[in-house]
Every structure is written in structure tokens, then in C-alpha cells.
């Protein structure tokens, strides 16, 4: 029942690296055509459900090469 989706990935300085509303797309670890270094990155995902509920999830992910 998800009718809305918005995902963002940020680096440790708050710079937006990835932004999508397509739930079939994921972040591939690239920014502006260049591979990102191994580090900890922040994700924020907003969901909107068919029943009107809105949920925001956020946390961190480790990019390992």
C-alpha cells in the first residue's frame, strides 16, 4: 500500500548526493559520475501509504569498497 516514496542520501557534511522518488531505483555509490569513497552516509526515506499515513525513516549506511 505505498503510494508515495522519496529517498535521499547525504554525506557527512550534509551535501545531497542522491535523490529519487522512484522506489525501483537505489543509490549505486556514485555522485556526479564519480565513485564515492568508503565512508558513512546518511539516508532519509519518506513513505506515504494508501490509508494516508506518512512515515519518515532515517539512519546511516556504511559504503564499503
C-alpha atoms as a PDB file:
ATOM      1  CA  UNK A   1       0.000   0.000   0.000  1.00  0.00           C
ATOM      2  CA  UNK A   2       2.821   2.545  -0.617  1.00  0.00           C
ATOM      3  CA  UNK A   3       1.658   5.346  -2.919  1.00  0.00           C
ATOM      4  CA  UNK A   4       4.480   7.821  -2.311  1.00  0.00           C
ATOM      5  CA  UNK A   5       8.219   7.371  -1.893  1.00  0.00           C
ATOM      6  CA  UNK A   6      11.143   9.796  -1.586  1.00  0.00           C
ATOM      7  CA  UNK A   7      14.718   8.745  -0.780  1.00  0.00           C
ATOM      8  CA  UNK A   8      17.738  10.986  -0.215  1.00  0.00           C
ATOM      9  CA  UNK A   9      21.392  10.175   0.541  1.00  0.00           C
ATOM     10  CA  UNK A  10      23.702  12.733   2.195  1.00  0.00           C
ATOM     11  CA  UNK A  11      27.393  12.793   3.024  1.00  0.00           C
ATOM     12  CA  UNK A  12      28.695  13.669   6.499  1.00  0.00           C
ATOM     13  CA  UNK A  13      28.727  17.392   5.622  1.00  0.00           C
ATOM     14  CA  UNK A  14      25.046  17.409   4.682  1.00  0.00           C
ATOM     15  CA  UNK A  15      25.588  17.550   0.928  1.00  0.00           C
ATOM     16  CA  UNK A  16      22.801  15.829  -1.024  1.00  0.00           C
ATOM     17  CA  UNK A  17      24.349  13.059  -3.139  1.00  0.00           C
ATOM     18  CA  UNK A  18      21.284  11.156  -4.366  1.00  0.00           C
ATOM     19  CA  UNK A  19      17.587  11.960  -4.635  1.00  0.00           C
ATOM     20  CA  UNK A  20      14.784   9.826  -6.100  1.00  0.00           C
ATOM     21  CA  UNK A  21      11.036   9.327  -5.964  1.00  0.00           C
ATOM     22  CA  UNK A  22      11.285   6.055  -7.919  1.00  0.00           C
ATOM     23  CA  UNK A  23      11.177   3.156  -5.475  1.00  0.00           C
ATOM     24  CA  UNK A  24      12.784   0.851  -8.051  1.00  0.00           C
ATOM     25  CA  UNK A  25      15.991   2.942  -8.096  1.00  0.00           C
ATOM     26  CA  UNK A  26      18.688   2.629  -5.479  1.00  0.00           C
ATOM     27  CA  UNK A  27      21.884   4.537  -4.854  1.00  0.00           C
ATOM     28  CA  UNK A  28      24.859   2.991  -6.666  1.00  0.00           C
ATOM     29  CA  UNK A  29      27.560   4.771  -4.630  1.00  0.00           C
ATOM     30  CA  UNK A  30      28.277   7.383  -7.305  1.00  0.00           C
ATOM     31  CA  UNK A  31      27.954  11.169  -7.187  1.00  0.00           C
ATOM     32  CA  UNK A  32      28.288  13.327 -10.303  1.00  0.00           C
ATOM     33  CA  UNK A  33      29.685  10.361 -12.230  1.00  0.00           C
ATOM     34  CA  UNK A  34      32.442   9.631  -9.714  1.00  0.00           C
ATOM     35  CA  UNK A  35      32.615   6.806  -7.218  1.00  0.00           C
ATOM     36  CA  UNK A  36      32.199   7.923  -3.598  1.00  0.00           C
ATOM     37  CA  UNK A  37      34.893   6.988  -1.084  1.00  0.00           C
ATOM     38  CA  UNK A  38      34.238   4.401   1.615  1.00  0.00           C
ATOM     39  CA  UNK A  39      32.560   6.292   4.443  1.00  0.00           C
ATOM     40  CA  UNK A  40      29.348   6.548   6.445  1.00  0.00           C
ATOM     41  CA  UNK A  41      26.435   8.192   4.641  1.00  0.00           C
ATOM     42  CA  UNK A  42      23.008   9.284   5.863  1.00  0.00           C
ATOM     43  CA  UNK A  43      19.737   8.146   4.293  1.00  0.00           C
ATOM     44  CA  UNK A  44      16.269   9.652   4.629  1.00  0.00           C
ATOM     45  CA  UNK A  45      13.225   7.889   3.208  1.00  0.00           C
ATOM     46  CA  UNK A  46       9.672   9.228   3.246  1.00  0.00           C
ATOM     47  CA  UNK A  47       6.730   6.887   2.614  1.00  0.00           C
ATOM     48  CA  UNK A  48       3.092   7.745   2.015  1.00  0.00           C
ATOM     49  CA  UNK A  49       0.588   4.930   2.379  1.00  0.00           C
ATOM     50  CA  UNK A  50      -2.778   4.382   0.757  1.00  0.00           C
ATOM     51  CA  UNK A  51      -4.517   4.920   4.120  1.00  0.00           C
ATOM     52  CA  UNK A  52      -3.000   8.436   4.385  1.00  0.00           C
ATOM     53  CA  UNK A  53      -0.252   7.611   6.878  1.00  0.00           C
ATOM     54  CA  UNK A  54       3.147   9.196   6.283  1.00  0.00           C
ATOM     55  CA  UNK A  55       6.319   7.670   7.722  1.00  0.00           C
ATOM     56  CA  UNK A  56       9.879   9.010   7.679  1.00  0.00           C
ATOM     57  CA  UNK A  57      12.846   6.696   8.222  1.00  0.00           C
ATOM     58  CA  UNK A  58      16.433   7.846   8.548  1.00  0.00           C
ATOM     59  CA  UNK A  59      19.750   6.404   9.576  1.00  0.00           C
ATOM     60  CA  UNK A  60      23.241   5.759   8.375  1.00  0.00           C
ATOM     61  CA  UNK A  61      24.837   3.322   5.958  1.00  0.00           C
ATOM     62  CA  UNK A  62      28.465   2.329   5.520  1.00  0.00           C
ATOM     63  CA  UNK A  63      29.739   2.347   1.948  1.00  0.00           C
ATOM     64  CA  UNK A  64      32.458  -0.298   1.683  1.00  0.00           C
ATOM     65  CA  UNK A  65      34.575  -0.895  -1.395  1.00  0.00           C
END
